[in-house]
């Protein structure tokens, strides 16, 4: 199965291909998103990438402040506002797609409970994610020509990917419960 780094390029392996966590995420995502192997590989590698919180919040503004809200990221991505270039727009928009897919898929309760005083409480994460992947997919020239179709499919099937990640979360919870019951049985023996 091809592996794609969340930047859309072939992944430089940080966690080895045979690491149990990579195998677990790859297996679960492939089971829940079976119709497109390339999308499944991308989503599985996104889960691996976001196991480190610094990757989840990798986007910083021009002053170096870590951006934790999609609203701030949208401002940072806009070439007419804070984005210094179209390259920066693509980088931030790709991250918005990844970030919103991850949160709506794995932590929908967090997205639903965003406090009303935050800018993000007024943003539709699914709409922002789809639009961001659509914009990234429009960057289809030169070095981006090979990965642009992947991002167009991520935009077109965003809700399907969210649903798949919801199922992955359920699968992980079931595995955790099985492990707990096994430990409990072993402790009582």
Protein backbone atom coordinates (compact mmCIF):
# COMPACT_ATOMS: atom_id res chain seq x y z
CA UNK A 1 0.00 0.00 0.00
CA UNK A 2 1.45 3.44 -0.84
CA UNK A 3 2.33 5.64 2.09
CA UNK A 4 1.79 9.37 1.85
CA UNK A 5 3.10 11.95 4.21
CA UNK A 6 0.46 14.49 5.23
CA UNK A 7 2.32 17.02 3.05
CA UNK A 8 1.13 14.91 0.14
CA UNK A 9 4.59 13.63 -0.74
CA UNK A 10 5.91 10.12 -0.28
CA UNK A 11 6.47 9.78 3.40
CA UNK A 12 9.87 10.00 5.01
CA UNK A 13 9.40 7.31 7.61
CA UNK A 14 9.53 8.64 11.15
CA UNK A 15 7.77 5.67 12.65
CA UNK A 16 9.01 2.52 10.99
CA UNK A 17 6.73 0.74 8.51
CA UNK A 18 6.53 -2.30 10.76
CA UNK A 19 5.87 -0.39 13.98
CA UNK A 20 2.79 -1.83 15.74
CA UNK A 21 1.04 1.57 15.91
CA UNK A 22 1.46 2.11 12.16
CA UNK A 23 0.18 -1.39 11.43
CA UNK A 24 -2.78 -0.88 13.78
CA UNK A 25 -3.82 2.44 12.21
CA UNK A 26 -3.26 1.14 8.67
CA UNK A 27 -5.33 -1.98 9.32
CA UNK A 28 -8.18 -0.12 11.02
CA UNK A 29 -8.38 2.69 8.46
CA UNK A 30 -8.13 0.24 5.53
CA UNK A 31 -11.01 -1.75 7.03
CA UNK A 32 -13.18 1.34 7.47
CA UNK A 33 -12.22 3.12 4.21
CA UNK A 34 -11.85 0.18 1.81
CA UNK A 35 -12.88 1.84 -1.45
CA UNK A 36 -9.79 4.03 -2.02
CA UNK A 37 -6.42 2.64 -0.92
CA UNK A 38 -4.62 5.92 -1.51
CA UNK A 39 -7.08 7.88 0.65
CA UNK A 40 -6.91 5.17 3.34
CA UNK A 41 -3.10 5.32 3.33
CA UNK A 42 -3.20 9.12 3.62
CA UNK A 43 -5.68 9.03 6.53
CA UNK A 44 -3.72 6.30 8.36
CA UNK A 45 -0.53 8.34 8.03
CA UNK A 46 -2.40 11.42 9.22
CA UNK A 47 -3.27 9.54 12.42
CA UNK A 48 0.38 8.60 12.85
CA UNK A 49 1.49 12.18 12.21
CA UNK A 50 -0.99 13.61 14.70
CA UNK A 51 0.11 11.27 17.50
CA UNK A 52 2.52 14.09 18.27
CA UNK A 53 0.71 17.22 19.44
CA UNK A 54 3.30 19.51 17.86
CA UNK A 55 2.21 18.18 14.47
CA UNK A 56 -1.44 18.81 15.27
CA UNK A 57 -0.58 22.46 15.98
CA UNK A 58 2.26 22.90 13.46
CA UNK A 59 0.88 26.06 11.86
CA UNK A 60 2.21 29.30 13.29
CA UNK A 61 1.51 32.87 12.26
CA UNK A 62 4.14 35.38 11.16
CA UNK A 63 4.83 36.27 14.81
CA UNK A 64 5.47 32.60 15.67
CA UNK A 65 2.23 32.12 17.61
CA UNK A 66 0.89 28.58 17.42
CA UNK A 67 -2.55 28.62 15.75
CA UNK A 68 -5.04 26.34 17.49
CA UNK A 69 -8.30 27.53 15.94
CA UNK A 70 -9.48 26.91 12.41
CA UNK A 71 -10.63 30.54 12.16
CA UNK A 72 -7.08 31.74 12.82
CA UNK A 73 -5.75 29.23 10.29
CA UNK A 74 -8.22 30.46 7.66
CA UNK A 75 -6.93 34.03 8.11
CA UNK A 76 -3.34 32.74 7.92
CA UNK A 77 -4.14 30.87 4.68
CA UNK A 78 -5.64 33.84 2.85
CA UNK A 79 -3.18 35.43 0.37
CA UNK A 80 -5.11 38.70 0.67
CA UNK A 81 -4.65 38.73 4.45
CA UNK A 82 -1.77 36.96 6.21
CA UNK A 83 -0.52 34.33 3.75
CA UNK A 84 2.79 35.48 2.30
CA UNK A 85 2.40 33.39 -0.86
CA UNK A 86 0.23 30.86 -2.64
CA UNK A 87 2.65 28.20 -1.35
CA UNK A 88 1.78 29.30 2.19
CA UNK A 89 -1.92 29.20 1.31
CA UNK A 90 -1.56 25.60 0.13
CA UNK A 91 0.42 24.58 3.24
CA UNK A 92 -2.11 26.07 5.66
CA UNK A 93 -5.15 24.90 3.69
CA UNK A 94 -3.80 21.34 3.65
CA UNK A 95 -3.33 21.52 7.39
CA UNK A 96 -6.88 22.85 7.86
CA UNK A 97 -8.20 19.88 5.88
CA UNK A 98 -6.10 17.46 7.95
CA UNK A 99 -6.94 19.14 11.27
CA UNK A 100 -10.69 19.29 10.67
CA UNK A 101 -10.80 15.72 9.33
CA UNK A 102 -8.90 14.47 12.38
CA UNK A 103 -11.01 16.34 14.93
CA UNK A 104 -14.40 15.67 13.35
CA UNK A 105 -13.50 12.02 12.83
CA UNK A 106 -11.77 11.18 16.09
CA UNK A 107 -13.16 13.82 18.48
CA UNK A 108 -16.59 14.93 17.22
CA UNK A 109 -17.70 15.57 20.78
CA UNK A 110 -14.94 18.20 21.11
CA UNK A 111 -16.02 19.94 17.91
CA UNK A 112 -19.68 19.88 18.99
CA UNK A 113 -18.82 21.39 22.39
CA UNK A 114 -16.68 24.31 21.21
CA UNK A 115 -17.44 27.25 23.52
CA UNK A 116 -19.57 30.01 22.03
CA UNK A 117 -16.97 32.68 22.73
CA UNK A 118 -14.38 31.10 20.41
CA UNK A 119 -14.16 31.98 16.73
CA UNK A 120 -14.31 28.27 15.91
CA UNK A 121 -17.78 27.96 17.43
CA UNK A 122 -19.05 29.73 14.29
CA UNK A 123 -17.10 27.60 11.80
CA UNK A 124 -18.45 24.47 10.17
CA UNK A 125 -15.44 22.14 10.39
CA UNK A 126 -16.70 19.83 7.64
CA UNK A 127 -17.27 22.72 5.25
CA UNK A 128 -13.87 24.26 6.10
CA UNK A 129 -12.12 20.91 5.66
CA UNK A 130 -13.77 20.11 2.33
CA UNK A 131 -13.09 23.60 0.98
CA UNK A 132 -9.47 23.45 2.13
CA UNK A 133 -8.82 20.08 0.49
CA UNK A 134 -10.57 21.35 -2.67
CA UNK A 135 -8.20 24.36 -2.76
CA UNK A 136 -5.16 22.11 -2.20
CA UNK A 137 -6.43 19.89 -5.02
CA UNK A 138 -6.55 22.93 -7.31
CA UNK A 139 -2.78 23.28 -6.93
CA UNK A 140 -2.20 20.81 -9.77
CA UNK A 141 0.86 22.11 -11.54
CA UNK A 142 4.54 21.15 -11.36
CA UNK A 143 5.47 19.38 -8.12
CA UNK A 144 1.82 19.16 -7.00
CA UNK A 145 0.42 17.53 -10.13
CA UNK A 146 0.85 13.99 -8.77
CA UNK A 147 -0.93 14.57 -5.42
CA UNK A 148 -3.65 17.01 -6.52
CA UNK A 149 -6.12 14.22 -7.44
CA UNK A 150 -5.75 12.74 -3.93
CA UNK A 151 -6.79 16.03 -2.34
CA UNK A 152 -9.71 16.43 -4.74
CA UNK A 153 -10.92 12.95 -3.65
CA UNK A 154 -10.42 13.87 0.01
CA UNK A 155 -12.61 16.94 -0.58
CA UNK A 156 -15.26 14.98 -2.47
CA UNK A 157 -15.41 12.21 0.13
CA UNK A 158 -14.73 14.24 3.27
CA UNK A 159 -17.85 13.05 5.09
CA UNK A 160 -17.07 9.43 4.19
CA UNK A 161 -13.58 9.87 5.69
CA UNK A 162 -15.07 11.44 8.83
CA UNK A 163 -17.42 8.47 9.15
CA UNK A 164 -14.50 6.08 8.62
CA UNK A 165 -12.53 7.79 11.37
CA UNK A 166 -15.58 7.64 13.67
CA UNK A 167 -15.57 3.88 13.05
CA UNK A 168 -11.80 3.70 13.71
CA UNK A 169 -12.39 5.46 17.02
CA UNK A 170 -15.08 2.89 17.89
CA UNK A 171 -12.73 0.07 16.89
CA UNK A 172 -9.99 1.50 19.13
CA UNK A 173 -12.43 1.77 22.04
CA UNK A 174 -13.48 -1.86 21.52
CA UNK A 175 -9.84 -2.96 21.49
CA UNK A 176 -9.21 -1.02 24.70
CA UNK A 177 -12.22 -2.69 26.34
CA UNK A 178 -11.04 -6.15 25.22
CA UNK A 179 -7.59 -5.46 26.67
CA UNK A 180 -9.08 -4.24 29.94
CA UNK A 181 -11.24 -7.36 30.29
CA UNK A 182 -8.25 -9.59 29.56
CA UNK A 183 -6.16 -7.85 32.25
CA UNK A 184 -9.04 -8.08 34.68
CA UNK A 185 -9.40 -11.84 34.05
CA UNK A 186 -5.66 -12.36 34.46
CA UNK A 187 -5.58 -10.41 37.74
CA UNK A 188 -8.39 -12.49 39.19
CA UNK A 189 -6.78 -15.80 38.17
